[in-house]
N, C-alpha and C. Protein backbone atom coordinates (compact mmCIF):
# COMPACT_ATOMS: atom_id res chain seq x y z
N MET A 1 95.57 -1.14 56.05
CA MET A 1 95.30 -1.28 54.63
C MET A 1 95.71 0.01 53.88
N TYR A 2 95.07 1.10 54.18
CA TYR A 2 95.44 2.39 53.60
C TYR A 2 95.02 3.46 54.58
N GLU A 3 95.60 4.62 54.41
CA GLU A 3 95.27 5.74 55.29
C GLU A 3 94.44 6.75 54.52
N GLN A 4 93.74 7.59 55.27
CA GLN A 4 92.87 8.59 54.65
C GLN A 4 93.67 9.50 53.72
N LYS A 5 94.93 9.79 54.08
CA LYS A 5 95.73 10.67 53.23
C LYS A 5 96.02 10.04 51.86
N ASP A 6 95.86 8.71 51.76
CA ASP A 6 96.10 8.02 50.50
C ASP A 6 94.88 8.03 49.58
N ALA A 7 93.76 8.51 50.07
CA ALA A 7 92.53 8.53 49.28
C ALA A 7 92.35 9.91 48.64
N TYR A 8 91.93 9.92 47.39
CA TYR A 8 91.72 11.16 46.66
C TYR A 8 90.24 11.53 46.67
N ASN A 9 89.96 12.80 46.53
CA ASN A 9 88.57 13.25 46.47
C ASN A 9 88.00 12.98 45.08
N CYS A 10 86.70 12.92 45.02
CA CYS A 10 86.01 12.83 43.74
C CYS A 10 84.77 13.71 43.81
N HIS A 11 84.20 14.00 42.68
CA HIS A 11 83.04 14.88 42.60
C HIS A 11 82.00 14.26 41.68
N MET A 12 80.74 14.49 42.00
CA MET A 12 79.65 14.04 41.16
C MET A 12 79.15 15.25 40.38
N LEU A 13 79.29 15.21 39.07
CA LEU A 13 78.78 16.28 38.21
C LEU A 13 77.47 15.82 37.60
N SER A 14 76.43 16.62 37.76
CA SER A 14 75.11 16.24 37.26
C SER A 14 74.55 17.36 36.39
N VAL A 15 73.78 16.97 35.40
CA VAL A 15 73.15 17.94 34.52
C VAL A 15 71.78 17.40 34.10
N GLU A 16 70.84 18.31 33.93
CA GLU A 16 69.52 17.93 33.45
C GLU A 16 69.50 18.05 31.93
N LYS A 17 69.06 17.01 31.26
CA LYS A 17 68.93 17.02 29.80
C LYS A 17 67.46 17.29 29.46
N THR A 18 67.25 18.16 28.48
CA THR A 18 65.89 18.49 28.08
C THR A 18 65.69 18.16 26.60
N LEU A 19 64.45 18.02 26.23
CA LEU A 19 64.10 17.81 24.82
C LEU A 19 64.14 19.16 24.10
N ALA A 20 63.99 19.15 22.79
CA ALA A 20 64.06 20.38 22.00
C ALA A 20 63.03 21.41 22.45
N ASP A 21 61.88 20.95 22.95
CA ASP A 21 60.84 21.89 23.38
C ASP A 21 61.05 22.37 24.83
N GLY A 22 62.15 21.97 25.46
CA GLY A 22 62.46 22.39 26.82
C GLY A 22 61.93 21.48 27.90
N GLU A 23 61.21 20.43 27.52
CA GLU A 23 60.65 19.50 28.50
C GLU A 23 61.77 18.62 29.07
N HIS A 24 61.67 18.31 30.36
CA HIS A 24 62.66 17.47 31.02
C HIS A 24 62.71 16.10 30.35
N HIS A 25 63.94 15.64 30.10
CA HIS A 25 64.14 14.33 29.49
C HIS A 25 64.77 13.35 30.48
N LYS A 26 65.91 13.75 31.08
CA LYS A 26 66.59 12.88 32.04
C LYS A 26 67.68 13.67 32.76
N PHE A 27 68.19 13.08 33.82
CA PHE A 27 69.35 13.60 34.51
C PHE A 27 70.54 12.70 34.17
N LYS A 28 71.69 13.31 33.93
CA LYS A 28 72.91 12.55 33.69
C LYS A 28 73.95 12.99 34.71
N SER A 29 74.68 12.02 35.22
CA SER A 29 75.73 12.32 36.21
C SER A 29 77.00 11.59 35.83
N ARG A 30 78.10 12.15 36.29
CA ARG A 30 79.41 11.55 36.05
C ARG A 30 80.24 11.73 37.31
N LEU A 31 80.86 10.63 37.74
CA LEU A 31 81.78 10.68 38.87
C LEU A 31 83.14 11.06 38.31
N VAL A 32 83.72 12.12 38.86
CA VAL A 32 84.98 12.66 38.35
C VAL A 32 86.03 12.64 39.44
N PHE A 33 87.18 12.09 39.13
CA PHE A 33 88.33 12.02 40.03
C PHE A 33 88.94 13.41 40.14
N ASP A 34 89.29 13.82 41.35
CA ASP A 34 89.92 15.12 41.55
C ASP A 34 91.43 14.94 41.44
N GLY A 35 91.95 15.05 40.24
CA GLY A 35 93.36 14.79 39.97
C GLY A 35 94.30 15.89 40.43
N ARG A 36 93.78 16.98 40.98
CA ARG A 36 94.65 18.07 41.42
C ARG A 36 95.59 17.62 42.54
N ASP A 37 95.19 16.61 43.30
CA ASP A 37 96.02 16.14 44.40
C ASP A 37 97.02 15.07 43.98
N GLN A 38 96.92 14.58 42.76
CA GLN A 38 97.84 13.56 42.29
C GLN A 38 99.21 14.16 42.02
N ASP A 39 100.24 13.40 42.25
CA ASP A 39 101.60 13.83 41.96
C ASP A 39 101.89 13.56 40.49
N ALA A 40 101.90 14.59 39.68
CA ALA A 40 102.09 14.44 38.23
C ALA A 40 103.45 13.84 37.91
N GLU A 41 104.41 13.99 38.79
CA GLU A 41 105.75 13.44 38.55
C GLU A 41 105.74 11.91 38.52
N LEU A 42 104.72 11.29 39.13
CA LEU A 42 104.63 9.83 39.13
C LEU A 42 104.21 9.28 37.78
N PHE A 43 103.69 10.16 36.91
CA PHE A 43 103.19 9.74 35.60
C PHE A 43 103.85 10.58 34.51
N PRO A 44 105.13 10.29 34.19
CA PRO A 44 105.84 11.11 33.20
C PRO A 44 105.23 11.03 31.81
N GLU A 45 104.65 9.89 31.46
CA GLU A 45 104.00 9.75 30.15
C GLU A 45 102.50 9.70 30.39
N LYS A 46 101.93 10.84 30.70
CA LYS A 46 100.53 10.86 31.10
C LYS A 46 99.58 11.26 29.98
N SER A 47 100.10 11.72 28.88
CA SER A 47 99.21 12.19 27.83
C SER A 47 99.12 11.18 26.69
N SER A 48 98.10 11.36 25.89
CA SER A 48 97.93 10.53 24.70
C SER A 48 97.89 11.45 23.49
N PRO A 49 98.23 10.94 22.32
CA PRO A 49 98.22 11.79 21.13
C PRO A 49 96.82 12.29 20.82
N THR A 50 96.75 13.48 20.33
CA THR A 50 95.48 14.04 19.87
C THR A 50 95.66 14.49 18.42
N ALA A 51 94.57 14.63 17.73
CA ALA A 51 94.63 15.05 16.33
C ALA A 51 94.73 16.57 16.26
N ALA A 52 95.71 17.04 15.52
CA ALA A 52 95.85 18.47 15.30
C ALA A 52 94.85 18.90 14.22
N LEU A 53 94.45 20.13 14.27
CA LEU A 53 93.46 20.64 13.32
C LEU A 53 93.96 20.48 11.88
N HIS A 54 95.25 20.76 11.62
CA HIS A 54 95.75 20.65 10.24
C HIS A 54 95.74 19.19 9.77
N SER A 55 95.90 18.24 10.69
CA SER A 55 95.81 16.82 10.31
C SER A 55 94.39 16.46 9.91
N LEU A 56 93.43 16.95 10.66
CA LEU A 56 92.03 16.71 10.34
C LEU A 56 91.68 17.32 8.99
N MET A 57 92.12 18.54 8.76
CA MET A 57 91.82 19.21 7.49
C MET A 57 92.48 18.46 6.32
N THR A 58 93.68 17.94 6.53
CA THR A 58 94.36 17.16 5.48
C THR A 58 93.54 15.92 5.12
N CYS A 59 93.02 15.24 6.13
CA CYS A 59 92.18 14.07 5.88
C CYS A 59 90.93 14.45 5.09
N LEU A 60 90.32 15.57 5.44
CA LEU A 60 89.13 16.02 4.71
C LEU A 60 89.45 16.35 3.25
N VAL A 61 90.63 16.94 3.00
CA VAL A 61 91.05 17.25 1.62
C VAL A 61 91.24 15.96 0.83
N VAL A 62 91.86 14.95 1.45
CA VAL A 62 92.07 13.66 0.77
C VAL A 62 90.73 13.02 0.43
N VAL A 63 89.81 13.03 1.39
CA VAL A 63 88.47 12.45 1.16
C VAL A 63 87.77 13.19 0.03
N ALA A 64 87.82 14.50 0.04
CA ALA A 64 87.16 15.29 -1.01
C ALA A 64 87.84 15.05 -2.35
N GLY A 65 89.17 14.96 -2.37
CA GLY A 65 89.91 14.74 -3.62
C GLY A 65 89.61 13.39 -4.25
N ARG A 66 89.29 12.41 -3.45
CA ARG A 66 88.95 11.07 -3.97
C ARG A 66 87.48 10.94 -4.31
N GLY A 67 86.72 11.98 -4.07
CA GLY A 67 85.31 11.95 -4.41
C GLY A 67 84.45 11.12 -3.46
N LEU A 68 84.96 10.84 -2.29
CA LEU A 68 84.18 10.08 -1.31
C LEU A 68 83.08 10.95 -0.75
N LYS A 69 81.94 10.35 -0.49
CA LYS A 69 80.80 11.13 -0.02
C LYS A 69 80.48 10.87 1.45
N THR A 70 81.11 9.89 2.04
CA THR A 70 80.78 9.54 3.41
C THR A 70 82.04 9.56 4.28
N ILE A 71 81.91 10.20 5.41
CA ILE A 71 82.97 10.20 6.41
C ILE A 71 82.34 9.70 7.71
N GLY A 72 83.04 8.85 8.40
CA GLY A 72 82.50 8.31 9.65
C GLY A 72 83.33 8.76 10.84
N LYS A 73 82.71 8.75 11.98
CA LYS A 73 83.41 9.02 13.23
C LYS A 73 82.78 8.15 14.30
N ILE A 74 83.51 7.93 15.36
CA ILE A 74 82.95 7.15 16.46
C ILE A 74 83.11 7.95 17.76
N ASP A 75 82.19 7.71 18.66
CA ASP A 75 82.27 8.28 19.99
C ASP A 75 82.08 7.12 20.96
N ILE A 76 83.11 6.76 21.66
CA ILE A 76 83.04 5.64 22.57
C ILE A 76 82.57 6.15 23.92
N LYS A 77 81.35 5.79 24.27
CA LYS A 77 80.76 6.25 25.52
C LYS A 77 81.52 5.68 26.71
N GLY A 78 81.83 6.52 27.65
CA GLY A 78 82.50 6.06 28.87
C GLY A 78 83.85 5.45 28.60
N ALA A 79 84.61 6.03 27.67
CA ALA A 79 85.89 5.44 27.26
C ALA A 79 86.82 5.22 28.44
N PHE A 80 86.98 6.21 29.30
CA PHE A 80 87.92 6.07 30.40
C PHE A 80 87.49 5.00 31.39
N ILE A 81 86.20 4.90 31.65
CA ILE A 81 85.76 3.93 32.66
C ILE A 81 85.73 2.50 32.12
N GLN A 82 86.14 2.32 30.88
CA GLN A 82 86.31 0.98 30.34
C GLN A 82 87.78 0.55 30.40
N THR A 83 88.61 1.41 30.97
CA THR A 83 90.05 1.20 30.99
C THR A 83 90.51 0.80 32.39
N GLU A 84 91.21 -0.32 32.48
CA GLU A 84 91.69 -0.82 33.76
C GLU A 84 92.84 0.05 34.27
N MET A 85 92.84 0.29 35.58
CA MET A 85 93.93 1.02 36.22
C MET A 85 95.17 0.14 36.27
N GLU A 86 96.32 0.75 36.27
CA GLU A 86 97.59 0.05 36.38
C GLU A 86 98.39 0.67 37.51
N GLY A 87 99.35 -0.09 38.03
CA GLY A 87 100.22 0.45 39.07
C GLY A 87 99.67 0.20 40.46
N SER A 88 100.16 0.96 41.42
CA SER A 88 99.74 0.77 42.81
C SER A 88 98.26 1.14 42.96
N PRO A 89 97.57 0.50 43.90
CA PRO A 89 96.14 0.77 44.09
C PRO A 89 95.86 2.24 44.42
N MET A 90 94.77 2.74 43.87
CA MET A 90 94.34 4.12 44.15
C MET A 90 92.95 4.06 44.75
N PHE A 91 92.69 4.92 45.72
CA PHE A 91 91.41 4.96 46.40
C PHE A 91 90.80 6.34 46.27
N ILE A 92 89.47 6.37 46.21
CA ILE A 92 88.75 7.64 46.23
C ILE A 92 87.91 7.71 47.49
N GLN A 93 87.73 8.91 47.96
CA GLN A 93 86.88 9.17 49.12
C GLN A 93 85.59 9.77 48.58
N CYS A 94 84.50 9.05 48.74
CA CYS A 94 83.22 9.48 48.17
C CYS A 94 82.52 10.48 49.09
N ASP A 95 81.89 11.46 48.48
CA ASP A 95 81.14 12.46 49.24
C ASP A 95 80.01 11.79 50.00
N LYS A 96 79.81 12.17 51.23
CA LYS A 96 78.83 11.49 52.09
C LYS A 96 77.39 11.63 51.60
N ASN A 97 77.00 12.82 51.14
CA ASN A 97 75.59 13.02 50.80
C ASN A 97 75.11 12.17 49.62
N PRO A 98 75.75 12.20 48.45
CA PRO A 98 75.26 11.32 47.38
C PRO A 98 75.44 9.84 47.70
N THR A 99 76.47 9.51 48.48
CA THR A 99 76.72 8.11 48.84
C THR A 99 75.56 7.56 49.65
N ARG A 100 74.99 8.35 50.53
CA ARG A 100 73.87 7.89 51.36
C ARG A 100 72.65 7.51 50.52
N LEU A 101 72.54 8.08 49.33
CA LEU A 101 71.42 7.73 48.45
C LEU A 101 71.57 6.32 47.89
N ILE A 102 72.80 5.82 47.85
CA ILE A 102 73.07 4.53 47.22
C ILE A 102 73.27 3.42 48.24
N VAL A 103 74.07 3.68 49.25
CA VAL A 103 74.37 2.65 50.26
C VAL A 103 74.26 3.24 51.65
N ASP A 104 74.03 2.37 52.63
CA ASP A 104 74.03 2.80 54.02
C ASP A 104 75.47 3.00 54.47
N VAL A 105 75.75 4.19 54.97
CA VAL A 105 77.08 4.50 55.47
C VAL A 105 76.95 4.69 56.97
N LEU A 106 77.90 4.18 57.71
CA LEU A 106 77.87 4.36 59.16
C LEU A 106 77.83 5.84 59.49
N PRO A 107 77.09 6.21 60.54
CA PRO A 107 77.03 7.64 60.90
C PRO A 107 78.42 8.23 61.07
N GLY A 108 78.65 9.33 60.39
CA GLY A 108 79.95 9.98 60.45
C GLY A 108 81.02 9.30 59.63
N GLY A 109 80.68 8.17 59.03
CA GLY A 109 81.66 7.41 58.24
C GLY A 109 81.77 7.92 56.82
N THR A 110 82.81 7.50 56.17
CA THR A 110 83.06 7.87 54.79
C THR A 110 83.28 6.60 53.99
N LEU A 111 82.77 6.56 52.79
CA LEU A 111 82.96 5.41 51.92
C LEU A 111 84.22 5.60 51.08
N TYR A 112 85.12 4.63 51.15
CA TYR A 112 86.33 4.62 50.34
C TYR A 112 86.21 3.50 49.32
N CYS A 113 86.59 3.79 48.08
CA CYS A 113 86.52 2.80 47.01
C CYS A 113 87.86 2.72 46.30
N GLN A 114 88.26 1.50 45.97
CA GLN A 114 89.47 1.33 45.19
C GLN A 114 89.11 1.45 43.72
N LEU A 115 89.90 2.22 42.98
CA LEU A 115 89.66 2.37 41.56
C LEU A 115 90.18 1.15 40.81
N LEU A 116 89.29 0.43 40.18
CA LEU A 116 89.68 -0.69 39.32
C LEU A 116 89.74 -0.22 37.87
N LYS A 117 88.95 0.80 37.57
CA LYS A 117 88.90 1.39 36.23
C LYS A 117 89.22 2.87 36.36
N ALA A 118 89.71 3.46 35.29
CA ALA A 118 90.06 4.88 35.30
C ALA A 118 88.80 5.74 35.35
N LEU A 119 88.93 6.90 35.95
CA LEU A 119 87.85 7.88 35.97
C LEU A 119 88.33 9.15 35.27
N TYR A 120 87.39 9.92 34.73
CA TYR A 120 87.74 11.22 34.20
C TYR A 120 88.37 12.03 35.32
N GLY A 121 89.48 12.68 35.03
CA GLY A 121 90.17 13.47 36.02
C GLY A 121 91.46 12.82 36.51
N CYS A 122 91.60 11.51 36.36
CA CYS A 122 92.86 10.85 36.72
C CYS A 122 93.93 11.31 35.73
N ILE A 123 95.09 11.64 36.24
CA ILE A 123 96.16 12.12 35.37
C ILE A 123 96.48 11.11 34.28
N GLN A 124 96.51 9.84 34.62
CA GLN A 124 96.93 8.82 33.67
C GLN A 124 95.79 8.24 32.84
N ALA A 125 94.55 8.71 33.00
CA ALA A 125 93.39 8.11 32.33
C ALA A 125 93.51 8.13 30.80
N SER A 126 93.89 9.26 30.23
CA SER A 126 93.95 9.32 28.76
C SER A 126 95.05 8.42 28.20
N LYS A 127 96.17 8.33 28.90
CA LYS A 127 97.25 7.46 28.45
C LYS A 127 96.84 5.99 28.52
N LEU A 128 96.14 5.61 29.60
CA LEU A 128 95.67 4.23 29.73
C LEU A 128 94.65 3.89 28.64
N TRP A 129 93.76 4.84 28.34
CA TRP A 129 92.76 4.62 27.29
C TRP A 129 93.44 4.47 25.93
N TYR A 130 94.41 5.33 25.65
CA TYR A 130 95.13 5.25 24.38
C TYR A 130 95.84 3.91 24.24
N LYS A 131 96.45 3.47 25.32
CA LYS A 131 97.16 2.18 25.32
C LYS A 131 96.19 1.03 25.03
N LYS A 132 95.02 1.06 25.65
CA LYS A 132 94.02 0.01 25.43
C LYS A 132 93.50 0.04 23.99
N LEU A 133 93.24 1.23 23.49
CA LEU A 133 92.70 1.40 22.13
C LEU A 133 93.70 0.92 21.08
N THR A 134 94.97 1.33 21.22
CA THR A 134 95.96 0.91 20.22
C THR A 134 96.23 -0.58 20.29
N LYS A 135 96.14 -1.18 21.47
CA LYS A 135 96.31 -2.62 21.59
C LYS A 135 95.18 -3.36 20.86
N PHE A 136 93.95 -2.81 20.96
CA PHE A 136 92.79 -3.41 20.29
C PHE A 136 92.89 -3.27 18.78
N LEU A 137 93.28 -2.09 18.33
CA LEU A 137 93.36 -1.83 16.88
C LEU A 137 94.54 -2.55 16.28
């Protein structure tokens, strides 16, 4: 099916969130793809457009010039993980210790997962998200 050399590493990043008074609120974690091992040459169009600071300032000047009082913005939670992967199948090799908390892994075994959705850290993730967003809009 696939060989271990075809699987990429991933990392679990966790942080404790606290309330304004310093009291514990929750833990948040994110599974991040280790894209350092990916061959960037396989993804020549890997980036997506970003807004330049002067473009943002121009928009603010237009809004102010028209006397508008409200400006909106959106933050799409988990944008990359809502984006389907394209191309040949990609696999990640999950770290044994956090994996054991979720599923039973054979002793000495490693859990491999096929990526169906993009993860933060994939070279092509931002391009795939941009493609999905522009198709929707």
